[in-house]
Amino acid sequence: MLHSVSVFSGKGGKTVLERLPDAMELFETHLVSIGETGTILDVNDYKRRFQSWWRCLNFETKEGILARNQPVPRPQTKSLSRIDEMQRVCEEAKIMTRQMLKLR
């Protein structure tokens, strides 16, 4: 498996060998998370699926794979109380009413 992974990756055997254990650990975690642990038929099936998975991730390091899968932080918005929200709506309604009265 090491030879075929290093050929596919183009990163050289030593680099792939250093990244392989961490990548395999993440792959196995991935299989558990999607409920596919029971679908691996044999060693060759594991190798094929692992190589395809890692190739899709560009043979990244563990840190690179984890960084790629971090959720994008959403900006925090301060939620308004119901009273504040009602006051905001009332202000908008006043502005709209004034605009409508000016049109007549």
PDB file of N, CA and C in Angstrom:
ATOM      1  N   MET A   1       0.829  -1.189   0.000  1.00  0.00           N
ATOM      2  CA  MET A   1       0.000   0.000   0.000  1.00  0.00           C
ATOM      3  C   MET A   1       0.874   1.254   0.000  1.00  0.00           C
ATOM      4  N   LEU A   2       1.961   1.240   0.748  1.00  0.00           N
ATOM      5  CA  LEU A   2       2.837   2.402   0.826  1.00  0.00           C
ATOM      6  C   LEU A   2       3.345   2.806  -0.550  1.00  0.00           C
ATOM      7  N   HIS A   3       3.741   1.828  -1.352  1.00  0.00           N
ATOM      8  CA  HIS A   3       4.268   2.136  -2.682  1.00  0.00           C
ATOM      9  C   HIS A   3       3.207   2.817  -3.545  1.00  0.00           C
ATOM     10  N   SER A   4       2.001   2.245  -3.567  1.00  0.00           N
ATOM     11  CA  SER A   4       0.966   2.830  -4.421  1.00  0.00           C
ATOM     12  C   SER A   4       0.546   4.210  -3.929  1.00  0.00           C
ATOM     13  N   VAL A   5       0.484   4.411  -2.616  1.00  0.00           N
ATOM     14  CA  VAL A   5       0.126   5.732  -2.086  1.00  0.00           C
ATOM     15  C   VAL A   5       1.207   6.743  -2.425  1.00  0.00           C
ATOM     16  N   SER A   6       2.474   6.370  -2.278  1.00  0.00           N
ATOM     17  CA  SER A   6       3.548   7.329  -2.580  1.00  0.00           C
ATOM     18  C   SER A   6       3.595   7.655  -4.067  1.00  0.00           C
ATOM     19  N   VAL A   7       3.276   6.690  -4.924  1.00  0.00           N
ATOM     20  CA  VAL A   7       3.244   6.960  -6.370  1.00  0.00           C
ATOM     21  C   VAL A   7       2.106   7.914  -6.693  1.00  0.00           C
ATOM     22  N   PHE A   8       0.906   7.646  -6.131  1.00  0.00           N
ATOM     23  CA  PHE A   8      -0.241   8.514  -6.377  1.00  0.00           C
ATOM     24  C   PHE A   8      -0.015   9.926  -5.855  1.00  0.00           C
ATOM     25  N   SER A   9       0.589  10.020  -4.687  1.00  0.00           N
ATOM     26  CA  SER A   9       0.717  11.325  -4.042  1.00  0.00           C
ATOM     27  C   SER A   9       1.792  12.190  -4.670  1.00  0.00           C
ATOM     28  N   GLY A  10       2.848  11.558  -5.166  1.00  0.00           N
ATOM     29  CA  GLY A  10       3.969  12.318  -5.704  1.00  0.00           C
ATOM     30  C   GLY A  10       4.777  13.002  -4.620  1.00  0.00           C
ATOM     31  N   LYS A  11       4.601  12.611  -3.380  1.00  0.00           N
ATOM     32  CA  LYS A  11       5.276  13.265  -2.262  1.00  0.00           C
ATOM     33  C   LYS A  11       6.490  12.492  -1.770  1.00  0.00           C
ATOM     34  N   GLY A  12       6.718  11.332  -2.294  1.00  0.00           N
ATOM     35  CA  GLY A  12       7.870  10.544  -1.863  1.00  0.00           C
ATOM     36  C   GLY A  12       7.541   9.633  -0.698  1.00  0.00           C
ATOM     37  N   GLY A  13       8.229   8.518  -0.633  1.00  0.00           N
ATOM     38  CA  GLY A  13       7.942   7.490   0.352  1.00  0.00           C
ATOM     39  C   GLY A  13       8.093   7.930   1.792  1.00  0.00           C
ATOM     40  N   LYS A  14       9.152   8.690   2.097  1.00  0.00           N
ATOM     41  CA  LYS A  14       9.390   9.085   3.487  1.00  0.00           C
ATOM     42  C   LYS A  14       8.296  10.012   4.000  1.00  0.00           C
ATOM     43  N   THR A  15       7.914  10.973   3.184  1.00  0.00           N
ATOM     44  CA  THR A  15       6.861  11.908   3.582  1.00  0.00           C
ATOM     45  C   THR A  15       5.543  11.173   3.799  1.00  0.00           C
ATOM     46  N   VAL A  16       5.216  10.283   2.881  1.00  0.00           N
ATOM     47  CA  VAL A  16       3.973   9.530   2.999  1.00  0.00           C
ATOM     48  C   VAL A  16       4.022   8.625   4.219  1.00  0.00           C
ATOM     49  N   LEU A  17       5.165   7.997   4.438  1.00  0.00           N
ATOM     50  CA  LEU A  17       5.309   7.112   5.589  1.00  0.00           C
ATOM     51  C   LEU A  17       5.096   7.867   6.896  1.00  0.00           C
ATOM     52  N   GLU A  18       5.554   9.110   6.966  1.00  0.00           N
ATOM     53  CA  GLU A  18       5.373   9.915   8.172  1.00  0.00           C
ATOM     54  C   GLU A  18       3.909  10.309   8.376  1.00  0.00           C
ATOM     55  N   ARG A  19       3.197  10.544   7.286  1.00  0.00           N
ATOM     56  CA  ARG A  19       1.805  10.993   7.373  1.00  0.00           C
ATOM     57  C   ARG A  19       0.810   9.845   7.491  1.00  0.00           C
ATOM     58  N   LEU A  20       1.209   8.658   7.088  1.00  0.00           N
ATOM     59  CA  LEU A  20       0.294   7.529   6.966  1.00  0.00           C
ATOM     60  C   LEU A  20      -0.436   7.154   8.255  1.00  0.00           C
ATOM     61  N   PRO A  21       0.226   6.975   9.389  1.00  0.00           N
ATOM     62  CA  PRO A  21      -0.513   6.558  10.591  1.00  0.00           C
ATOM     63  C   PRO A  21      -1.612   7.541  11.009  1.00  0.00           C
ATOM     64  N   ASP A  22      -1.296   8.828  10.973  1.00  0.00           N
ATOM     65  CA  ASP A  22      -2.303   9.826  11.340  1.00  0.00           C
ATOM     66  C   ASP A  22      -3.455   9.845  10.343  1.00  0.00           C
ATOM     67  N   ALA A  23      -3.130   9.706   9.061  1.00  0.00           N
ATOM     68  CA  ALA A  23      -4.171   9.706   8.029  1.00  0.00           C
ATOM     69  C   ALA A  23      -5.079   8.492   8.184  1.00  0.00           C
ATOM     70  N   MET A  24      -4.475   7.333   8.496  1.00  0.00           N
ATOM     71  CA  MET A  24      -5.286   6.131   8.687  1.00  0.00           C
ATOM     72  C   MET A  24      -6.202   6.282   9.899  1.00  0.00           C
ATOM     73  N   GLU A  25      -5.712   6.900  10.938  1.00  0.00           N
ATOM     74  CA  GLU A  25      -6.531   7.144  12.126  1.00  0.00           C
ATOM     75  C   GLU A  25      -7.734   8.020  11.786  1.00  0.00           C
ATOM     76  N   LEU A  26      -7.496   9.087  11.016  1.00  0.00           N
ATOM     77  CA  LEU A  26      -8.594   9.969  10.613  1.00  0.00           C
ATOM     78  C   LEU A  26      -9.569   9.258   9.687  1.00  0.00           C
ATOM     79  N   PHE A  27      -9.041   8.407   8.799  1.00  0.00           N
ATOM     80  CA  PHE A  27      -9.905   7.659   7.892  1.00  0.00           C
ATOM     81  C   PHE A  27     -10.826   6.737   8.685  1.00  0.00           C
ATOM     82  N   GLU A  28     -10.270   6.069   9.680  1.00  0.00           N
ATOM     83  CA  GLU A  28     -11.086   5.167  10.493  1.00  0.00           C
ATOM     84  C   GLU A  28     -12.133   5.941  11.293  1.00  0.00           C
ATOM     85  N   THR A  29     -11.775   7.117  11.768  1.00  0.00           N
ATOM     86  CA  THR A  29     -12.751   7.975  12.446  1.00  0.00           C
ATOM     87  C   THR A  29     -13.843   8.402  11.469  1.00  0.00           C
ATOM     88  N   HIS A  30     -13.440   8.692  10.246  1.00  0.00           N
ATOM     89  CA  HIS A  30     -14.392   9.056   9.195  1.00  0.00           C
ATOM     90  C   HIS A  30     -15.372   7.908   8.939  1.00  0.00           C
ATOM     91  N   LEU A  31     -14.854   6.695   8.845  1.00  0.00           N
ATOM     92  CA  LEU A  31     -15.721   5.531   8.618  1.00  0.00           C
ATOM     93  C   LEU A  31     -16.740   5.369   9.738  1.00  0.00           C
ATOM     94  N   VAL A  32     -16.290   5.558  10.973  1.00  0.00           N
ATOM     95  CA  VAL A  32     -17.200   5.451  12.117  1.00  0.00           C
ATOM     96  C   VAL A  32     -18.261   6.544  12.044  1.00  0.00           C
ATOM     97  N   SER A  33     -17.852   7.762  11.713  1.00  0.00           N
ATOM     98  CA  SER A  33     -18.785   8.890  11.710  1.00  0.00           C
ATOM     99  C   SER A  33     -19.879   8.755  10.655  1.00  0.00           C
ATOM    100  N   ILE A  34     -19.584   8.063   9.558  1.00  0.00           N
ATOM    101  CA  ILE A  34     -20.608   7.889   8.518  1.00  0.00           C
ATOM    102  C   ILE A  34     -21.265   6.518   8.577  1.00  0.00           C
ATOM    103  N   GLY A  35     -20.904   5.723   9.588  1.00  0.00           N
ATOM    104  CA  GLY A  35     -21.525   4.422   9.784  1.00  0.00           C
ATOM    105  C   GLY A  35     -21.124   3.369   8.765  1.00  0.00           C
ATOM    106  N   GLU A  36     -19.905   3.442   8.265  1.00  0.00           N
ATOM    107  CA  GLU A  36     -19.446   2.528   7.227  1.00  0.00           C
ATOM    108  C   GLU A  36     -18.472   1.474   7.733  1.00  0.00           C
ATOM    109  N   THR A  37     -18.325   1.312   9.026  1.00  0.00           N
ATOM    110  CA  THR A  37     -17.319   0.372   9.538  1.00  0.00           C
ATOM    111  C   THR A  37     -17.604  -1.064   9.124  1.00  0.00           C
ATOM    112  N   GLY A  38     -18.841  -1.432   9.023  1.00  0.00           N
ATOM    113  CA  GLY A  38     -19.186  -2.805   8.666  1.00  0.00           C
ATOM    114  C   GLY A  38     -19.161  -3.089   7.185  1.00  0.00           C
ATOM    115  N   THR A  39     -18.850  -2.083   6.373  1.00  0.00           N
ATOM    116  CA  THR A  39     -18.895  -2.278   4.919  1.00  0.00           C
ATOM    117  C   THR A  39     -17.538  -2.591   4.302  1.00  0.00           C
ATOM    118  N   ILE A  40     -16.470  -2.561   5.105  1.00  0.00           N
ATOM    119  CA  ILE A  40     -15.139  -2.904   4.591  1.00  0.00           C
ATOM    120  C   ILE A  40     -15.099  -4.419   4.420  1.00  0.00           C
ATOM    121  N   LEU A  41     -14.889  -4.878   3.189  1.00  0.00           N
ATOM    122  CA  LEU A  41     -14.957  -6.307   2.900  1.00  0.00           C
ATOM    123  C   LEU A  41     -13.691  -7.066   3.262  1.00  0.00           C
ATOM    124  N   ASP A  42     -12.540  -6.467   2.933  1.00  0.00           N
ATOM    125  CA  ASP A  42     -11.261  -7.133   3.196  1.00  0.00           C
ATOM    126  C   ASP A  42     -10.151  -6.084   3.170  1.00  0.00           C
ATOM    127  N   VAL A  43      -8.915  -6.531   3.283  1.00  0.00           N
ATOM    128  CA  VAL A  43      -7.772  -5.611   3.328  1.00  0.00           C
ATOM    129  C   VAL A  43      -7.671  -4.802   2.035  1.00  0.00           C
ATOM    130  N   ASN A  44      -7.891  -5.446   0.909  1.00  0.00           N
ATOM    131  CA  ASN A  44      -7.800  -4.732  -0.372  1.00  0.00           C
ATOM    132  C   ASN A  44      -8.878  -3.653  -0.492  1.00  0.00           C
ATOM    133  N   ASP A  45     -10.066  -3.935   0.011  1.00  0.00           N
ATOM    134  CA  ASP A  45     -11.133  -2.940  -0.003  1.00  0.00           C
ATOM    135  C   ASP A  45     -10.763  -1.755   0.880  1.00  0.00           C
ATOM    136  N   TYR A  46     -10.186  -2.031   2.052  1.00  0.00           N
ATOM    137  CA  TYR A  46      -9.734  -0.965   2.946  1.00  0.00           C
ATOM    138  C   TYR A  46      -8.692  -0.102   2.242  1.00  0.00           C
ATOM    139  N   LYS A  47      -7.699  -0.750   1.618  1.00  0.00           N
ATOM    140  CA  LYS A  47      -6.633  -0.003   0.936  1.00  0.00           C
ATOM    141  C   LYS A  47      -7.215   0.899  -0.154  1.00  0.00           C
ATOM    142  N   ARG A  48      -8.098   0.325  -0.961  1.00  0.00           N
ATOM    143  CA  ARG A  48      -8.678   1.085  -2.075  1.00  0.00           C
ATOM    144  C   ARG A  48      -9.460   2.291  -1.564  1.00  0.00           C
ATOM    145  N   ARG A  49     -10.280   2.083  -0.564  1.00  0.00           N
ATOM    146  CA  ARG A  49     -11.100   3.174  -0.047  1.00  0.00           C
ATOM    147  C   ARG A  49     -10.260   4.221   0.675  1.00  0.00           C
ATOM    148  N   PHE A  50      -9.256   3.756   1.417  1.00  0.00           N
ATOM    149  CA  PHE A  50      -8.371   4.694   2.096  1.00  0.00           C
ATOM    150  C   PHE A  50      -7.623   5.554   1.091  1.00  0.00           C
ATOM    151  N   GLN A  51      -7.060   4.943   0.056  1.00  0.00           N
ATOM    152  CA  GLN A  51      -6.304   5.705  -0.945  1.00  0.00           C
ATOM    153  C   GLN A  51      -7.194   6.722  -1.646  1.00  0.00           C
ATOM    154  N   SER A  52      -8.421   6.319  -1.979  1.00  0.00           N
ATOM    155  CA  SER A  52      -9.336   7.257  -2.637  1.00  0.00           C
ATOM    156  C   SER A  52      -9.673   8.426  -1.716  1.00  0.00           C
ATOM    157  N   TRP A  53      -9.939   8.112  -0.448  1.00  0.00           N
ATOM    158  CA  TRP A  53     -10.272   9.157   0.519  1.00  0.00           C
ATOM    159  C   TRP A  53      -9.114  10.129   0.696  1.00  0.00           C
ATOM    160  N   TRP A  54      -7.911   9.597   0.873  1.00  0.00           N
ATOM    161  CA  TRP A  54      -6.745  10.457   1.106  1.00  0.00           C
ATOM    162  C   TRP A  54      -6.383  11.244  -0.136  1.00  0.00           C
ATOM    163  N   ARG A  55      -6.572  10.650  -1.307  1.00  0.00           N
ATOM    164  CA  ARG A  55      -6.287  11.352  -2.562  1.00  0.00           C
ATOM    165  C   ARG A  55      -7.208  12.561  -2.693  1.00  0.00           C
ATOM    166  N   CYS A  56      -8.481  12.390  -2.315  1.00  0.00           N
ATOM    167  CA  CYS A  56      -9.425  13.510  -2.373  1.00  0.00           C
ATOM    168  C   CYS A  56      -9.003  14.656  -1.452  1.00  0.00           C
ATOM    169  N   LEU A  57      -8.259  14.325  -0.411  1.00  0.00           N
ATOM    170  CA  LEU A  57      -7.759  15.333   0.525  1.00  0.00           C
ATOM    171  C   LEU A  57      -6.340  15.770   0.178  1.00  0.00           C
ATOM    172  N   ASN A  58      -5.880  15.423  -1.019  1.00  0.00           N
ATOM    173  CA  ASN A  58      -4.572  15.820  -1.546  1.00  0.00           C
ATOM    174  C   ASN A  58      -3.424  15.328  -0.659  1.00  0.00           C
ATOM    175  N   PHE A  59      -3.609  14.165  -0.036  1.00  0.00           N
ATOM    176  CA  PHE A  59      -2.567  13.546   0.793  1.00  0.00           C
ATOM    177  C   PHE A  59      -2.042  14.506   1.857  1.00  0.00           C
ATOM    178  N   GLU A  60      -2.970  15.259   2.434  1.00  0.00           N
ATOM    179  CA  GLU A  60      -2.631  16.248   3.473  1.00  0.00           C
ATOM    180  C   GLU A  60      -2.148  15.568   4.751  1.00  0.00           C
ATOM    181  N   THR A  61      -1.531  16.356   5.599  1.00  0.00           N
ATOM    182  CA  THR A  61      -1.171  15.899   6.940  1.00  0.00           C
ATOM    183  C   THR A  61      -2.443  15.871   7.790  1.00  0.00           C
ATOM    184  N   LYS A  62      -2.340  15.289   8.960  1.00  0.00           N
ATOM    185  CA  LYS A  62      -3.478  15.243   9.873  1.00  0.00           C
ATOM    186  C   LYS A  62      -3.956  16.656  10.190  1.00  0.00           C
ATOM    187  N   GLU A  63      -3.009  17.536  10.463  1.00  0.00           N
ATOM    188  CA  GLU A  63      -3.365  18.920  10.798  1.00  0.00           C
ATOM    189  C   GLU A  63      -4.063  19.600   9.626  1.00  0.00           C
ATOM    190  N   GLY A  64      -3.577  19.339   8.413  1.00  0.00           N
ATOM    191  CA  GLY A  64      -4.198  19.933   7.225  1.00  0.00           C
ATOM    192  C   GLY A  64      -5.617  19.438   7.018  1.00  0.00           C
ATOM    193  N   ILE A  65      -5.825  18.144   7.252  1.00  0.00           N
ATOM    194  CA  ILE A  65      -7.164  17.575   7.100  1.00  0.00           C
ATOM    195  C   ILE A  65      -8.106  18.151   8.157  1.00  0.00           C
ATOM    196  N   LEU A  66      -7.643  18.216   9.392  1.00  0.00           N
ATOM    197  CA  LEU A  66      -8.484  18.757  10.458  1.00  0.00           C
ATOM    198  C   LEU A  66      -8.791  20.232  10.234  1.00  0.00           C
ATOM    199  N   ALA A  67      -7.810  20.988   9.758  1.00  0.00           N
ATOM    200  CA  ALA A  67      -8.031  22.416   9.503  1.00  0.00           C
ATOM    201  C   ALA A  67      -9.046  22.618   8.378  1.00  0.00           C
ATOM    202  N   ARG A  68      -9.018  21.738   7.415  1.00  0.00           N
ATOM    203  CA  ARG A  68      -9.946  21.830   6.286  1.00  0.00           C
ATOM    204  C   ARG A  68     -11.382  21.594   6.737  1.00  0.00           C
ATOM    205  N   ASN A  69     -11.560  20.815   7.777  1.00  0.00           N
ATOM    206  CA  ASN A  69     -12.888  20.430   8.214  1.00  0.00           C
ATOM    207  C   ASN A  69     -13.408  21.235   9.393  1.00  0.00           C
ATOM    208  N   GLN A  70     -12.799  22.371   9.685  1.00  0.00           N
ATOM    209  CA  GLN A  70     -13.273  23.214  10.774  1.00  0.00           C
ATOM    210  C   GLN A  70     -14.463  24.029  10.298  1.00  0.00           C
ATOM    211  N   PRO A  71     -15.473  24.179  11.138  1.00  0.00           N
ATOM    212  CA  PRO A  71     -16.616  25.003  10.743  1.00  0.00           C
ATOM    213  C   PRO A  71     -16.206  26.469  10.637  1.00  0.00           C
ATOM    214  N   VAL A  72     -16.827  27.152   9.721  1.00  0.00           N
ATOM    215  CA  VAL A  72     -16.560  28.574   9.540  1.00  0.00           C
ATOM    216  C   VAL A  72     -17.270  29.317  10.663  1.00  0.00           C
ATOM    217  N   PRO A  73     -16.531  30.149  11.409  1.00  0.00           N
ATOM    218  CA  PRO A  73     -17.185  30.867  12.512  1.00  0.00           C
ATOM    219  C   PRO A  73     -18.213  31.863  11.985  1.00  0.00           C
ATOM    220  N   ARG A  74     -19.344  31.868  12.625  1.00  0.00           N
ATOM    221  CA  ARG A  74     -20.398  32.805  12.246  1.00  0.00           C
ATOM    222  C   ARG A  74     -20.283  34.050  13.116  1.00  0.00           C
ATOM    223  N   PRO A  75     -20.544  35.194  12.536  1.00  0.00           N
ATOM    224  CA  PRO A  75     -20.491  36.405  13.363  1.00  0.00           C
ATOM    225  C   PRO A  75     -21.589  36.353  14.417  1.00  0.00           C
ATOM    226  N   GLN A  76     -21.227  36.711  15.624  1.00  0.00           N
ATOM    227  CA  GLN A  76     -22.185  36.704  16.727  1.00  0.00           C
ATOM    228  C   GLN A  76     -23.042  37.962  16.652  1.00  0.00           C
ATOM    229  N   THR A  77     -24.316  37.759  16.658  1.00  0.00           N
ATOM    230  CA  THR A  77     -25.226  38.902  16.688  1.00  0.00           C
ATOM    231  C   THR A  77     -25.905  38.915  18.044  1.00  0.00           C
ATOM    232  N   LYS A  78     -26.012  40.086  18.586  1.00  0.00           N
ATOM    233  CA  LYS A  78     -26.653  40.220  19.880  1.00  0.00           C
ATOM    234  C   LYS A  78     -28.154  40.094  19.668  1.00  0.00           C
ATOM    235  N   SER A  79     -28.752  39.140  20.336  1.00  0.00           N
ATOM    236  CA  SER A  79     -30.196  38.965  20.182  1.00  0.00           C
ATOM    237  C   SER A  79     -30.909  40.043  20.995  1.00  0.00           C
ATOM    238  N   LEU A  80     -31.939  40.569  20.397  1.00  0.00           N
ATOM    239  CA  LEU A  80     -32.709  41.621  21.044  1.00  0.00           C
ATOM    240  C   LEU A  80     -33.778  41.002  21.927  1.00  0.00           C
ATOM    241  N   SER A  81     -34.095  41.694  22.995  1.00  0.00           N
ATOM    242  CA  SER A  81     -35.214  41.240  23.813  1.00  0.00           C
ATOM    243  C   SER A  81     -36.499  41.509  23.029  1.00  0.00           C
ATOM    244  N   ARG A  82     -37.569  40.912  23.462  1.00  0.00           N
ATOM    245  CA  ARG A  82     -38.839  41.107  22.756  1.00  0.00           C
ATOM    246  C   ARG A  82     -39.276  42.577  22.806  1.00  0.00           C
ATOM    247  N   ILE A  83     -38.994  43.216  23.907  1.00  0.00           N
ATOM    248  CA  ILE A  83     -39.377  44.633  24.047  1.00  0.00           C
ATOM    249  C   ILE A  83     -38.555  45.483  23.075  1.00  0.00           C
ATOM    250  N   ASP A  84     -37.245  45.238  23.036  1.00  0.00           N
ATOM    251  CA  ASP A  84     -36.393  45.992  22.108  1.00  0.00           C
ATOM    252  C   ASP A  84     -36.818  45.760  20.663  1.00  0.00           C
ATOM    253  N   GLU A  85     -37.157  44.538  20.341  1.00  0.00           N
ATOM    254  CA  GLU A  85     -37.596  44.222  18.980  1.00  0.00           C
ATOM    255  C   GLU A  85     -38.902  44.939  18.650  1.00  0.00           C
ATOM    256  N   MET A  86     -39.853  44.981  19.607  1.00  0.00           N
ATOM    257  CA  MET A  86     -41.122  45.686  19.390  1.00  0.00           C
ATOM    258  C   MET A  86     -40.889  47.185  19.212  1.00  0.00           C
ATOM    259  N   GLN A  87     -39.963  47.752  19.980  1.00  0.00           N
ATOM    260  CA  GLN A  87     -39.667  49.174  19.834  1.00  0.00           C
ATOM    261  C   GLN A  87     -39.051  49.458  18.467  1.00  0.00           C
ATOM    262  N   ARG A  88     -38.185  48.559  18.004  1.00  0.00           N
ATOM    263  CA  ARG A  88     -37.575  48.747  16.686  1.00  0.00           C
ATOM    264  C   ARG A  88     -38.637  48.707  15.587  1.00  0.00           C
ATOM    265  N   VAL A  89     -39.563  47.780  15.684  1.00  0.00           N
ATOM    266  CA  VAL A  89     -40.635  47.653  14.690  1.00  0.00           C
ATOM    267  C   VAL A  89     -41.528  48.894  14.730  1.00  0.00           C
ATOM    268  N   CYS A  90     -41.824  49.376  15.917  1.00  0.00           N
ATOM    269  CA  CYS A  90     -42.640  50.592  16.042  1.00  0.00           C
ATOM    270  C   CYS A  90     -41.965  51.793  15.394  1.00  0.00           C
ATOM    271  N   GLU A  91     -40.662  51.932  15.595  1.00  0.00           N
ATOM    272  CA  GLU A  91     -39.920  53.034  14.975  1.00  0.00           C
ATOM    273  C   GLU A  91     -39.978  52.941  13.455  1.00  0.00           C
ATOM    274  N   GLU A  92     -39.814  51.718  12.933  1.00  0.00           N
ATOM    275  CA  GLU A  92     -39.904  51.526  11.484  1.00  0.00           C
ATOM    276  C   GLU A  92     -41.306  51.862  10.980  1.00  0.00           C
ATOM    277  N   ALA A  93     -42.312  51.464  11.751  1.00  0.00           N
ATOM    278  CA  ALA A  93     -43.696  51.753  11.365  1.00  0.00           C
ATOM    279  C   ALA A  93     -43.955  53.261  11.345  1.00  0.00           C
ATOM    280  N   LYS A  94     -43.396  53.995  12.328  1.00  0.00           N
ATOM    281  CA  LYS A  94     -43.558  55.458  12.350  1.00  0.00           C
ATOM    282  C   LYS A  94     -42.940  56.080  11.112  1.00  0.00           C
ATOM    283  N   ILE A  95     -41.753  55.635  10.768  1.00  0.00           N
ATOM    284  CA  ILE A  95     -41.066  56.180   9.591  1.00  0.00           C
ATOM    285  C   ILE A  95     -41.871  55.900   8.327  1.00  0.00           C
ATOM    286  N   MET A  96     -42.366  54.683   8.206  1.00  0.00           N
ATOM    287  CA  MET A  96     -43.159  54.318   7.024  1.00  0.00           C
ATOM    288  C   MET A  96     -44.456  55.119   6.965  1.00  0.00           C
ATOM    289  N   THR A  97     -45.087  55.341   8.104  1.00  0.00           N
ATOM    290  CA  THR A  97     -46.340  56.113   8.144  1.00  0.00           C
ATOM    291  C   THR A  97     -46.090  57.541   7.711  1.00  0.00           C
ATOM    292  N   ARG A  98     -45.012  58.140   8.210  1.00  0.00           N
ATOM    293  CA  ARG A  98     -44.679  59.519   7.811  1.00  0.00           C
ATOM    294  C   ARG A  98     -44.423  59.614   6.322  1.00  0.00           C
ATOM    295  N   GLN A  99     -43.718  58.620   5.786  1.00  0.00           N
ATOM    296  CA  GLN A  99     -43.440  58.615   4.344  1.00  0.00           C
ATOM    297  C   GLN A  99     -44.725  58.502   3.557  1.00  0.00           C
ATOM    298  N   MET A 100     -45.640  57.655   4.005  1.00  0.00           N
ATOM    299  CA  MET A 100     -46.913  57.476   3.293  1.00  0.00           C
ATOM    300  C   MET A 100     -47.756  58.756   3.339  1.00  0.00           C
ATOM    301  N   LEU A 101     -47.753  59.459   4.479  1.00  0.00           N
ATOM    302  CA  LEU A 101     -48.534  60.677   4.607  1.00  0.00           C
ATOM    303  C   LEU A 101     -47.964  61.800   3.740  1.00  0.00           C
ATOM    304  N   LYS A 102     -46.664  61.820   3.538  1.00  0.00           N
ATOM    305  CA  LYS A 102     -46.032  62.835   2.695  1.00  0.00           C
ATOM    306  C   LYS A 102     -46.387  62.605   1.222  1.00  0.00           C
ATOM    307  N   LEU A 103     -46.660  61.385   0.852  1.00  0.00           N
ATOM    308  CA  LEU A 103     -46.965  61.085  -0.549  1.00  0.00           C
ATOM    309  C   LEU A 103     -48.347  61.606  -0.927  1.00  0.00           C
ATOM    310  N   ARG A 104     -49.250  61.782   0.014  1.00  0.00           N
ATOM    311  CA  ARG A 104     -50.622  62.210  -0.315  1.00  0.00           C
ATOM    312  C   ARG A 104     -50.731  63.672  -0.448  1.00  0.00           C
TER     313      ARG A 104
END
